[in-house]
């Protein structure tokens, strides 16, 4: 392999790697919107268990929510989840009414 061929090949790989790295976060944020004709029921009242002191800084409560299973709303119970980073806070998901129906906006770490 000649020096110029190797250089072109490495340059192409660098460009492809850069495109892949830039595309990954964008793809992670894509979410298909599924429109539901019926409003979700009101959220259930949940009893949030008390965490042991050593877990308070590393876990956050993710409240329960109504999810759509393709036929009806089904309750997904809340739970504690490990933080991805020390100061990350959980932003709960929510249902939004749109002209075409109801859409669930996923929760995320902030």
PDB file of N, CA and C in Angstrom:
ATOM      1  N   UNK A   1       0.850  -1.166   0.000  1.00  0.00           N
ATOM      2  CA  UNK A   1       0.000   0.000   0.000  1.00  0.00           C
ATOM      3  C   UNK A   1       0.901   1.236   0.000  1.00  0.00           C
ATOM      4  N   UNK A   2       0.613   2.154  -0.894  1.00  0.00           N
ATOM      5  CA  UNK A   2       1.422   3.362  -0.979  1.00  0.00           C
ATOM      6  C   UNK A   2       1.055   4.331   0.146  1.00  0.00           C
ATOM      7  N   UNK A   3       1.958   5.279   0.353  1.00  0.00           N
ATOM      8  CA  UNK A   3       1.759   6.266   1.420  1.00  0.00           C
ATOM      9  C   UNK A   3       0.493   7.091   1.169  1.00  0.00           C
ATOM     10  N   UNK A   4       0.238   7.513  -0.067  1.00  0.00           N
ATOM     11  CA  UNK A   4      -0.944   8.342  -0.358  1.00  0.00           C
ATOM     12  C   UNK A   4      -2.233   7.525  -0.214  1.00  0.00           C
ATOM     13  N   UNK A   5      -2.205   6.251  -0.567  1.00  0.00           N
ATOM     14  CA  UNK A   5      -3.386   5.400  -0.401  1.00  0.00           C
ATOM     15  C   UNK A   5      -3.704   5.227   1.071  1.00  0.00           C
ATOM     16  N   UNK A   6      -2.682   4.985   1.870  1.00  0.00           N
ATOM     17  CA  UNK A   6      -2.856   4.826   3.317  1.00  0.00           C
ATOM     18  C   UNK A   6      -3.419   6.114   3.932  1.00  0.00           C
ATOM     19  N   UNK A   7      -2.904   7.248   3.463  1.00  0.00           N
ATOM     20  CA  UNK A   7      -3.354   8.534   3.979  1.00  0.00           C
ATOM     21  C   UNK A   7      -4.830   8.789   3.641  1.00  0.00           C
ATOM     22  N   UNK A   8      -5.229   8.464   2.421  1.00  0.00           N
ATOM     23  CA  UNK A   8      -6.633   8.623   2.028  1.00  0.00           C
ATOM     24  C   UNK A   8      -7.533   7.692   2.830  1.00  0.00           C
ATOM     25  N   UNK A   9      -7.096   6.473   3.034  1.00  0.00           N
ATOM     26  CA  UNK A   9      -7.868   5.500   3.797  1.00  0.00           C
ATOM     27  C   UNK A   9      -8.046   5.965   5.240  1.00  0.00           C
ATOM     28  N   UNK A  10      -6.957   6.418   5.877  1.00  0.00           N
ATOM     29  CA  UNK A  10      -7.036   6.908   7.250  1.00  0.00           C
ATOM     30  C   UNK A  10      -7.890   8.170   7.341  1.00  0.00           C
ATOM     31  N   UNK A  11      -7.787   9.041   6.365  1.00  0.00           N
ATOM     32  CA  UNK A  11      -8.611  10.253   6.346  1.00  0.00           C
ATOM     33  C   UNK A  11     -10.085   9.911   6.239  1.00  0.00           C
ATOM     34  N   UNK A  12     -10.416   8.941   5.398  1.00  0.00           N
ATOM     35  CA  UNK A  12     -11.810   8.496   5.258  1.00  0.00           C
ATOM     36  C   UNK A  12     -12.334   7.889   6.537  1.00  0.00           C
ATOM     37  N   UNK A  13     -11.498   7.079   7.199  1.00  0.00           N
ATOM     38  CA  UNK A  13     -11.919   6.479   8.462  1.00  0.00           C
ATOM     39  C   UNK A  13     -12.137   7.536   9.536  1.00  0.00           C
ATOM     40  N   UNK A  14     -11.291   8.549   9.539  1.00  0.00           N
ATOM     41  CA  UNK A  14     -11.445   9.634  10.506  1.00  0.00           C
ATOM     42  C   UNK A  14     -12.769  10.351  10.295  1.00  0.00           C
ATOM     43  N   UNK A  15     -13.107  10.630   9.038  1.00  0.00           N
ATOM     44  CA  UNK A  15     -14.364  11.303   8.726  1.00  0.00           C
ATOM     45  C   UNK A  15     -15.544  10.430   9.148  1.00  0.00           C
ATOM     46  N   UNK A  16     -15.511   9.136   8.816  1.00  0.00           N
ATOM     47  CA  UNK A  16     -16.602   8.234   9.184  1.00  0.00           C
ATOM     48  C   UNK A  16     -16.753   8.126  10.696  1.00  0.00           C
ATOM     49  N   UNK A  17     -15.641   8.054  11.401  1.00  0.00           N
ATOM     50  CA  UNK A  17     -15.686   7.981  12.857  1.00  0.00           C
ATOM     51  C   UNK A  17     -16.309   9.247  13.432  1.00  0.00           C
ATOM     52  N   UNK A  18     -15.938  10.390  12.905  1.00  0.00           N
ATOM     53  CA  UNK A  18     -16.506  11.661  13.366  1.00  0.00           C
ATOM     54  C   UNK A  18     -17.996  11.741  13.110  1.00  0.00           C
ATOM     55  N   UNK A  19     -18.440  11.290  11.950  1.00  0.00           N
ATOM     56  CA  UNK A  19     -19.869  11.296  11.632  1.00  0.00           C
ATOM     57  C   UNK A  19     -20.616  10.376  12.580  1.00  0.00           C
ATOM     58  N   UNK A  20     -20.065   9.195  12.822  1.00  0.00           N
ATOM     59  CA  UNK A  20     -20.714   8.242  13.728  1.00  0.00           C
ATOM     60  C   UNK A  20     -20.804   8.812  15.139  1.00  0.00           C
ATOM     61  N   UNK A  21     -19.757   9.459  15.590  1.00  0.00           N
ATOM     62  CA  UNK A  21     -19.747  10.023  16.941  1.00  0.00           C
ATOM     63  C   UNK A  21     -20.757  11.156  17.062  1.00  0.00           C
ATOM     64  N   UNK A  22     -20.900  11.970  16.027  1.00  0.00           N
ATOM     65  CA  UNK A  22     -21.857  13.067  16.073  1.00  0.00           C
ATOM     66  C   UNK A  22     -23.285  12.543  15.953  1.00  0.00           C
ATOM     67  N   UNK A  23     -23.500  11.465  15.222  1.00  0.00           N
ATOM     68  CA  UNK A  23     -24.839  10.950  14.997  1.00  0.00           C
ATOM     69  C   UNK A  23     -25.393  10.196  16.196  1.00  0.00           C
ATOM     70  N   UNK A  24     -24.539   9.567  16.993  1.00  0.00           N
ATOM     71  CA  UNK A  24     -25.020   8.749  18.107  1.00  0.00           C
ATOM     72  C   UNK A  24     -25.892   9.534  19.086  1.00  0.00           C
ATOM     73  N   UNK A  25     -25.465  10.710  19.580  1.00  0.00           N
ATOM     74  CA  UNK A  25     -26.348  11.451  20.494  1.00  0.00           C
ATOM     75  C   UNK A  25     -27.651  11.874  19.826  1.00  0.00           C
ATOM     76  N   UNK A  26     -27.578  12.251  18.568  1.00  0.00           N
ATOM     77  CA  UNK A  26     -28.796  12.665  17.870  1.00  0.00           C
ATOM     78  C   UNK A  26     -29.765  11.495  17.751  1.00  0.00           C
ATOM     79  N   UNK A  27     -29.263  10.317  17.435  1.00  0.00           N
ATOM     80  CA  UNK A  27     -30.122   9.141  17.321  1.00  0.00           C
ATOM     81  C   UNK A  27     -30.721   8.761  18.660  1.00  0.00           C
ATOM     82  N   UNK A  28     -29.968   8.940  19.735  1.00  0.00           N
ATOM     83  CA  UNK A  28     -30.468   8.596  21.065  1.00  0.00           C
ATOM     84  C   UNK A  28     -31.658   9.468  21.439  1.00  0.00           C
ATOM     85  N   UNK A  29     -31.752  10.674  20.887  1.00  0.00           N
ATOM     86  CA  UNK A  29     -32.838  11.575  21.229  1.00  0.00           C
ATOM     87  C   UNK A  29     -34.071  11.368  20.356  1.00  0.00           C
ATOM     88  N   UNK A  30     -33.953  10.586  19.279  1.00  0.00           N
ATOM     89  CA  UNK A  30     -35.104  10.340  18.423  1.00  0.00           C
ATOM     90  C   UNK A  30     -36.101   9.462  19.158  1.00  0.00           C
ATOM     91  N   UNK A  31     -37.349   9.831  19.080  1.00  0.00           N
ATOM     92  CA  UNK A  31     -38.392   9.058  19.729  1.00  0.00           C
ATOM     93  C   UNK A  31     -39.608   9.089  18.815  1.00  0.00           C
ATOM     94  N   UNK A  32     -40.111   7.917  18.471  1.00  0.00           N
ATOM     95  CA  UNK A  32     -41.305   7.864  17.647  1.00  0.00           C
ATOM     96  C   UNK A  32     -42.491   8.318  18.479  1.00  0.00           C
ATOM     97  N   UNK A  33     -43.304   9.168  17.922  1.00  0.00           N
ATOM     98  CA  UNK A  33     -44.493   9.620  18.636  1.00  0.00           C
ATOM     99  C   UNK A  33     -45.643   8.697  18.290  1.00  0.00           C
ATOM    100  N   UNK A  34     -46.196   8.069  19.306  1.00  0.00           N
ATOM    101  CA  UNK A  34     -47.350   7.201  19.138  1.00  0.00           C
ATOM    102  C   UNK A  34     -48.531   7.934  19.743  1.00  0.00           C
ATOM    103  N   UNK A  35     -49.527   8.184  18.923  1.00  0.00           N
ATOM    104  CA  UNK A  35     -50.692   8.937  19.377  1.00  0.00           C
ATOM    105  C   UNK A  35     -51.743   7.977  19.919  1.00  0.00           C
ATOM    106  N   UNK A  36     -52.197   8.263  21.133  1.00  0.00           N
ATOM    107  CA  UNK A  36     -53.187   7.454  21.821  1.00  0.00           C
ATOM    108  C   UNK A  36     -54.492   8.252  21.850  1.00  0.00           C
ATOM    109  N   UNK A  37     -55.612   7.638  21.472  1.00  0.00           N
ATOM    110  CA  UNK A  37     -56.863   8.409  21.432  1.00  0.00           C
ATOM    111  C   UNK A  37     -57.424   8.743  22.815  1.00  0.00           C
ATOM    112  N   UNK A  38     -57.125   7.933  23.825  1.00  0.00           N
ATOM    113  CA  UNK A  38     -57.702   8.132  25.158  1.00  0.00           C
ATOM    114  C   UNK A  38     -56.683   8.747  26.110  1.00  0.00           C
ATOM    115  N   UNK A  39     -57.148   9.672  26.927  1.00  0.00           N
ATOM    116  CA  UNK A  39     -56.281  10.275  27.946  1.00  0.00           C
ATOM    117  C   UNK A  39     -55.897   9.212  28.966  1.00  0.00           C
ATOM    118  N   UNK A  40     -54.695   9.311  29.534  1.00  0.00           N
ATOM    119  CA  UNK A  40     -54.326   8.364  30.583  1.00  0.00           C
ATOM    120  C   UNK A  40     -55.143   8.657  31.848  1.00  0.00           C
ATOM    121  N   UNK A  41     -55.334   7.637  32.692  1.00  0.00           N
ATOM    122  CA  UNK A  41     -55.982   7.902  33.988  1.00  0.00           C
ATOM    123  C   UNK A  41     -55.096   8.817  34.824  1.00  0.00           C
ATOM    124  N   UNK A  42     -55.632   9.379  35.894  1.00  0.00           N
ATOM    125  CA  UNK A  42     -54.789  10.201  36.778  1.00  0.00           C
ATOM    126  C   UNK A  42     -53.668   9.348  37.376  1.00  0.00           C
ATOM    127  N   UNK A  43     -52.511   9.950  37.657  1.00  0.00           N
ATOM    128  CA  UNK A  43     -51.421   9.170  38.267  1.00  0.00           C
ATOM    129  C   UNK A  43     -51.873   8.564  39.595  1.00  0.00           C
ATOM    130  N   UNK A  44     -51.353   7.395  39.884  1.00  0.00           N
ATOM    131  CA  UNK A  44     -51.642   6.762  41.171  1.00  0.00           C
ATOM    132  C   UNK A  44     -50.795   7.413  42.259  1.00  0.00           C
ATOM    133  N   UNK A  45     -51.312   7.391  43.475  1.00  0.00           N
ATOM    134  CA  UNK A  45     -50.530   7.861  44.614  1.00  0.00           C
ATOM    135  C   UNK A  45     -49.620   6.708  45.020  1.00  0.00           C
ATOM    136  N   UNK A  46     -48.332   6.972  45.058  1.00  0.00           N
ATOM    137  CA  UNK A  46     -47.368   5.937  45.415  1.00  0.00           C
ATOM    138  C   UNK A  46     -46.727   6.249  46.761  1.00  0.00           C
ATOM    139  N   UNK A  47     -46.477   5.215  47.512  1.00  0.00           N
ATOM    140  CA  UNK A  47     -45.724   5.356  48.756  1.00  0.00           C
ATOM    141  C   UNK A  47     -44.265   5.153  48.381  1.00  0.00           C
ATOM    142  N   UNK A  48     -43.473   6.194  48.540  1.00  0.00           N
ATOM    143  CA  UNK A  48     -42.051   6.122  48.179  1.00  0.00           C
ATOM    144  C   UNK A  48     -41.285   5.534  49.360  1.00  0.00           C
ATOM    145  N   UNK A  49     -40.653   4.360  49.150  1.00  0.00           N
ATOM    146  CA  UNK A  49     -39.905   3.749  50.258  1.00  0.00           C
ATOM    147  C   UNK A  49     -38.722   4.624  50.684  1.00  0.00           C
ATOM    148  N   UNK A  50     -38.395   4.570  51.963  1.00  0.00           N
ATOM    149  CA  UNK A  50     -37.260   5.328  52.486  1.00  0.00           C
ATOM    150  C   UNK A  50     -35.988   4.548  52.162  1.00  0.00           C
ATOM    151  N   UNK A  51     -35.015   5.254  51.618  1.00  0.00           N
ATOM    152  CA  UNK A  51     -33.736   4.628  51.281  1.00  0.00           C
ATOM    153  C   UNK A  51     -32.808   4.612  52.484  1.00  0.00           C
ATOM    154  N   UNK A  52     -31.970   3.583  52.589  1.00  0.00           N
ATOM    155  CA  UNK A  52     -30.912   3.637  53.611  1.00  0.00           C
ATOM    156  C   UNK A  52     -29.994   4.827  53.325  1.00  0.00           C
ATOM    157  N   UNK A  53     -29.446   5.425  54.343  1.00  0.00           N
ATOM    158  CA  UNK A  53     -28.622   6.638  54.215  1.00  0.00           C
ATOM    159  C   UNK A  53     -27.510   6.500  53.187  1.00  0.00           C
ATOM    160  N   UNK A  54     -26.886   5.340  53.090  1.00  0.00           N
ATOM    161  CA  UNK A  54     -25.761   5.178  52.155  1.00  0.00           C
ATOM    162  C   UNK A  54     -26.201   5.157  50.682  1.00  0.00           C
ATOM    163  N   UNK A  55     -27.498   5.028  50.406  1.00  0.00           N
ATOM    164  CA  UNK A  55     -27.976   5.006  49.016  1.00  0.00           C
ATOM    165  C   UNK A  55     -28.615   6.319  48.571  1.00  0.00           C
ATOM    166  N   UNK A  56     -28.829   7.247  49.518  1.00  0.00           N
ATOM    167  CA  UNK A  56     -29.526   8.500  49.203  1.00  0.00           C
ATOM    168  C   UNK A  56     -28.824   9.309  48.116  1.00  0.00           C
ATOM    169  N   UNK A  57     -27.518   9.380  48.150  1.00  0.00           N
ATOM    170  CA  UNK A  57     -26.777  10.196  47.174  1.00  0.00           C
ATOM    171  C   UNK A  57     -26.581   9.508  45.826  1.00  0.00           C
ATOM    172  N   UNK A  58     -26.776   8.211  45.746  1.00  0.00           N
ATOM    173  CA  UNK A  58     -26.481   7.493  44.494  1.00  0.00           C
ATOM    174  C   UNK A  58     -27.725   7.037  43.742  1.00  0.00           C
ATOM    175  N   UNK A  59     -28.909   7.165  44.334  1.00  0.00           N
ATOM    176  CA  UNK A  59     -30.135   6.727  43.669  1.00  0.00           C
ATOM    177  C   UNK A  59     -31.191   7.828  43.693  1.00  0.00           C
ATOM    178  N   UNK A  60     -32.064   7.800  42.707  1.00  0.00           N
ATOM    179  CA  UNK A  60     -33.175   8.746  42.632  1.00  0.00           C
ATOM    180  C   UNK A  60     -34.450   7.976  42.329  1.00  0.00           C
ATOM    181  N   UNK A  61     -35.549   8.492  42.860  1.00  0.00           N
ATOM    182  CA  UNK A  61     -36.852   7.888  42.634  1.00  0.00           C
ATOM    183  C   UNK A  61     -37.365   8.270  41.253  1.00  0.00           C
ATOM    184  N   UNK A  62     -37.792   7.255  40.500  1.00  0.00           N
ATOM    185  CA  UNK A  62     -38.473   7.487  39.233  1.00  0.00           C
ATOM    186  C   UNK A  62     -39.938   7.131  39.473  1.00  0.00           C
ATOM    187  N   UNK A  63     -40.818   8.133  39.490  1.00  0.00           N
ATOM    188  CA  UNK A  63     -42.223   7.856  39.808  1.00  0.00           C
ATOM    189  C   UNK A  63     -42.883   6.966  38.761  1.00  0.00           C
ATOM    190  N   UNK A  64     -43.928   6.279  39.210  1.00  0.00           N
ATOM    191  CA  UNK A  64     -44.697   5.443  38.297  1.00  0.00           C
ATOM    192  C   UNK A  64     -45.429   6.293  37.262  1.00  0.00           C
ATOM    193  N   UNK A  65     -45.895   5.640  36.220  1.00  0.00           N
ATOM    194  CA  UNK A  65     -46.601   6.343  35.143  1.00  0.00           C
ATOM    195  C   UNK A  65     -47.497   5.351  34.397  1.00  0.00           C
ATOM    196  N   UNK A  66     -48.437   5.887  33.668  1.00  0.00           N
ATOM    197  CA  UNK A  66     -49.289   5.066  32.817  1.00  0.00           C
ATOM    198  C   UNK A  66     -48.602   4.887  31.474  1.00  0.00           C
ATOM    199  N   UNK A  67     -48.343   3.656  31.088  1.00  0.00           N
ATOM    200  CA  UNK A  67     -47.777   3.383  29.770  1.00  0.00           C
ATOM    201  C   UNK A  67     -48.853   2.760  28.886  1.00  0.00           C
ATOM    202  N   UNK A  68     -48.689   2.847  27.612  1.00  0.00           N
ATOM    203  CA  UNK A  68     -49.648   2.300  26.657  1.00  0.00           C
ATOM    204  C   UNK A  68     -49.106   0.970  26.153  1.00  0.00           C
ATOM    205  N   UNK A  69     -49.888  -0.108  26.256  1.00  0.00           N
ATOM    206  CA  UNK A  69     -49.414  -1.417  25.808  1.00  0.00           C
ATOM    207  C   UNK A  69     -49.931  -1.795  24.422  1.00  0.00           C
ATOM    208  N   UNK A  70     -50.534  -0.843  23.736  1.00  0.00           N
ATOM    209  CA  UNK A  70     -51.082  -1.095  22.404  1.00  0.00           C
ATOM    210  C   UNK A  70     -52.596  -1.242  22.416  1.00  0.00           C
ATOM    211  N   UNK A  71     -53.153  -1.475  23.610  1.00  0.00           N
ATOM    212  CA  UNK A  71     -54.598  -1.654  23.736  1.00  0.00           C
ATOM    213  C   UNK A  71     -55.201  -0.826  24.865  1.00  0.00           C
ATOM    214  N   UNK A  72     -54.393  -0.625  25.926  1.00  0.00           N
ATOM    215  CA  UNK A  72     -54.895   0.091  27.091  1.00  0.00           C
ATOM    216  C   UNK A  72     -53.735   0.670  27.892  1.00  0.00           C
ATOM    217  N   UNK A  73     -54.072   1.582  28.808  1.00  0.00           N
ATOM    218  CA  UNK A  73     -53.063   2.131  29.713  1.00  0.00           C
ATOM    219  C   UNK A  73     -52.802   1.115  30.821  1.00  0.00           C
ATOM    220  N   UNK A  74     -51.535   0.904  31.136  1.00  0.00           N
ATOM    221  CA  UNK A  74     -51.114  -0.035  32.169  1.00  0.00           C
ATOM    222  C   UNK A  74     -50.159   0.707  33.100  1.00  0.00           C
ATOM    223  N   UNK A  75     -50.339   0.544  34.408  1.00  0.00           N
ATOM    224  CA  UNK A  75     -49.506   1.251  35.372  1.00  0.00           C
ATOM    225  C   UNK A  75     -48.124   0.611  35.477  1.00  0.00           C
ATOM    226  N   UNK A  76     -47.085   1.430  35.341  1.00  0.00           N
ATOM    227  CA  UNK A  76     -45.696   1.005  35.560  1.00  0.00           C
ATOM    228  C   UNK A  76     -45.290   1.606  36.903  1.00  0.00           C
ATOM    229  N   UNK A  77     -44.998   0.758  37.874  1.00  0.00           N
ATOM    230  CA  UNK A  77     -44.695   1.241  39.224  1.00  0.00           C
ATOM    231  C   UNK A  77     -43.396   2.025  39.280  1.00  0.00           C
ATOM    232  N   UNK A  78     -43.356   2.978  40.205  1.00  0.00           N
ATOM    233  CA  UNK A  78     -42.145   3.758  40.429  1.00  0.00           C
ATOM    234  C   UNK A  78     -41.051   2.894  41.036  1.00  0.00           C
ATOM    235  N   UNK A  79     -39.816   3.380  40.930  1.00  0.00           N
ATOM    236  CA  UNK A  79     -38.688   2.614  41.477  1.00  0.00           C
ATOM    237  C   UNK A  79     -37.492   3.528  41.655  1.00  0.00           C
ATOM    238  N   UNK A  80     -36.562   3.092  42.478  1.00  0.00           N
ATOM    239  CA  UNK A  80     -35.296   3.801  42.624  1.00  0.00           C
ATOM    240  C   UNK A  80     -34.338   3.315  41.550  1.00  0.00           C
ATOM    241  N   UNK A  81     -33.575   4.256  40.994  1.00  0.00           N
ATOM    242  CA  UNK A  81     -32.617   3.940  39.942  1.00  0.00           C
ATOM    243  C   UNK A  81     -31.305   4.656  40.255  1.00  0.00           C
ATOM    244  N   UNK A  82     -30.194   3.970  39.990  1.00  0.00           N
ATOM    245  CA  UNK A  82     -28.877   4.574  40.215  1.00  0.00           C
ATOM    246  C   UNK A  82     -28.682   5.759  39.272  1.00  0.00           C
ATOM    247  N   UNK A  83     -28.149   6.846  39.818  1.00  0.00           N
ATOM    248  CA  UNK A  83     -27.845   8.023  39.003  1.00  0.00           C
ATOM    249  C   UNK A  83     -26.711   7.692  38.034  1.00  0.00           C
ATOM    250  N   UNK A  84     -26.778   8.181  36.794  1.00  0.00           N
ATOM    251  CA  UNK A  84     -25.677   7.947  35.860  1.00  0.00           C
ATOM    252  C   UNK A  84     -24.449   8.804  36.192  1.00  0.00           C
ATOM    253  N   UNK A  85     -24.678   9.938  36.865  1.00  0.00           N
ATOM    254  CA  UNK A  85     -23.603  10.839  37.301  1.00  0.00           C
ATOM    255  C   UNK A  85     -23.982  11.367  38.686  1.00  0.00           C
ATOM    256  N   UNK A  86     -23.011  11.772  39.480  1.00  0.00           N
ATOM    257  CA  UNK A  86     -23.300  12.171  40.866  1.00  0.00           C
ATOM    258  C   UNK A  86     -24.383  13.233  41.047  1.00  0.00           C
ATOM    259  N   UNK A  87     -24.470  14.205  40.174  1.00  0.00           N
ATOM    260  CA  UNK A  87     -25.449  15.288  40.376  1.00  0.00           C
ATOM    261  C   UNK A  87     -26.662  15.181  39.458  1.00  0.00           C
ATOM    262  N   UNK A  88     -26.793  14.083  38.759  1.00  0.00           N
ATOM    263  CA  UNK A  88     -27.905  13.915  37.817  1.00  0.00           C
ATOM    264  C   UNK A  88     -29.240  13.881  38.565  1.00  0.00           C
ATOM    265  N   UNK A  89     -30.230  14.540  37.996  1.00  0.00           N
ATOM    266  CA  UNK A  89     -31.579  14.535  38.554  1.00  0.00           C
ATOM    267  C   UNK A  89     -32.536  13.973  37.512  1.00  0.00           C
ATOM    268  N   UNK A  90     -33.516  13.194  37.964  1.00  0.00           N
ATOM    269  CA  UNK A  90     -34.485  12.578  37.076  1.00  0.00           C
ATOM    270  C   UNK A  90     -35.615  13.549  36.769  1.00  0.00           C
ATOM    271  N   UNK A  91     -35.894  13.745  35.490  1.00  0.00           N
ATOM    272  CA  UNK A  91     -37.031  14.545  35.034  1.00  0.00           C
ATOM    273  C   UNK A  91     -38.091  13.527  34.603  1.00  0.00           C
ATOM    274  N   UNK A  92     -39.188  13.486  35.319  1.00  0.00           N
ATOM    275  CA  UNK A  92     -40.220  12.476  35.073  1.00  0.00           C
ATOM    276  C   UNK A  92     -40.862  12.646  33.696  1.00  0.00           C
ATOM    277  N   UNK A  93     -41.285  11.528  33.127  1.00  0.00           N
ATOM    278  CA  UNK A  93     -42.024  11.552  31.867  1.00  0.00           C
ATOM    279  C   UNK A  93     -43.408  12.159  32.094  1.00  0.00           C
ATOM    280  N   UNK A  94     -44.078  12.464  31.000  1.00  0.00           N
ATOM    281  CA  UNK A  94     -45.406  13.077  31.111  1.00  0.00           C
ATOM    282  C   UNK A  94     -46.208  12.813  29.841  1.00  0.00           C
ATOM    283  N   UNK A  95     -47.500  12.859  29.983  1.00  0.00           N
ATOM    284  CA  UNK A  95     -48.401  12.763  28.834  1.00  0.00           C
ATOM    285  C   UNK A  95     -48.758  14.166  28.367  1.00  0.00           C
ATOM    286  N   UNK A  96     -48.755  14.355  27.049  1.00  0.00           N
ATOM    287  CA  UNK A  96     -49.152  15.646  26.461  1.00  0.00           C
ATOM    288  C   UNK A  96     -50.288  15.408  25.484  1.00  0.00           C
ATOM    289  N   UNK A  97     -51.280  16.285  25.541  1.00  0.00           N
ATOM    290  CA  UNK A  97     -52.366  16.207  24.566  1.00  0.00           C
ATOM    291  C   UNK A  97     -51.979  17.020  23.344  1.00  0.00           C
ATOM    292  N   UNK A  98     -52.100  16.394  22.192  1.00  0.00           N
ATOM    293  CA  UNK A  98     -51.790  17.043  20.923  1.00  0.00           C
ATOM    294  C   UNK A  98     -53.029  16.966  20.023  1.00  0.00           C
ATOM    295  N   UNK A  99     -53.034  17.680  18.901  1.00  0.00           N
ATOM    296  CA  UNK A  99     -54.207  17.629  18.021  1.00  0.00           C
ATOM    297  C   UNK A  99     -54.568  16.208  17.557  1.00  0.00           C
ATOM    298  N   UNK A 100     -53.571  15.331  17.403  1.00  0.00           N
ATOM    299  CA  UNK A 100     -53.832  13.966  16.913  1.00  0.00           C
ATOM    300  C   UNK A 100     -54.090  12.962  18.034  1.00  0.00           C
ATOM    301  N   UNK A 101     -53.959  13.383  19.301  1.00  0.00           N
ATOM    302  CA  UNK A 101     -54.178  12.470  20.419  1.00  0.00           C
ATOM    303  C   UNK A 101     -53.177  12.730  21.531  1.00  0.00           C
ATOM    304  N   UNK A 102     -53.032  11.757  22.412  1.00  0.00           N
ATOM    305  CA  UNK A 102     -52.117  11.862  23.555  1.00  0.00           C
ATOM    306  C   UNK A 102     -50.783  11.220  23.214  1.00  0.00           C
ATOM    307  N   UNK A 103     -49.687  11.870  23.648  1.00  0.00           N
ATOM    308  CA  UNK A 103     -48.326  11.386  23.393  1.00  0.00           C
ATOM    309  C   UNK A 103     -47.584  11.329  24.721  1.00  0.00           C
ATOM    310  N   UNK A 104     -46.849  10.232  24.950  1.00  0.00           N
ATOM    311  CA  UNK A 104     -46.035  10.142  26.161  1.00  0.00           C
ATOM    312  C   UNK A 104     -44.632  10.642  25.863  1.00  0.00           C
ATOM    313  N   UNK A 105     -44.172  11.598  26.670  1.00  0.00           N
ATOM    314  CA  UNK A 105     -42.813  12.137  26.560  1.00  0.00           C
ATOM    315  C   UNK A 105     -41.972  11.421  27.625  1.00  0.00           C
ATOM    316  N   UNK A 106     -40.988  10.656  27.191  1.00  0.00           N
ATOM    317  CA  UNK A 106     -40.175   9.864  28.108  1.00  0.00           C
ATOM    318  C   UNK A 106     -39.459  10.724  29.138  1.00  0.00           C
ATOM    319  N   UNK A 107     -39.266  10.179  30.327  1.00  0.00           N
ATOM    320  CA  UNK A 107     -38.458  10.827  31.345  1.00  0.00           C
ATOM    321  C   UNK A 107     -36.986  10.737  30.951  1.00  0.00           C
ATOM    322  N   UNK A 108     -36.159  11.576  31.589  1.00  0.00           N
ATOM    323  CA  UNK A 108     -34.740  11.579  31.243  1.00  0.00           C
ATOM    324  C   UNK A 108     -33.911  12.143  32.408  1.00  0.00           C
ATOM    325  N   UNK A 109     -32.616  11.887  32.351  1.00  0.00           N
ATOM    326  CA  UNK A 109     -31.690  12.431  33.345  1.00  0.00           C
ATOM    327  C   UNK A 109     -31.251  13.813  32.912  1.00  0.00           C
ATOM    328  N   UNK A 110     -31.156  14.723  33.855  1.00  0.00           N
ATOM    329  CA  UNK A 110     -30.717  16.087  33.562  1.00  0.00           C
ATOM    330  C   UNK A 110     -29.440  16.373  34.328  1.00  0.00           C
TER     331      UNK A 110
END
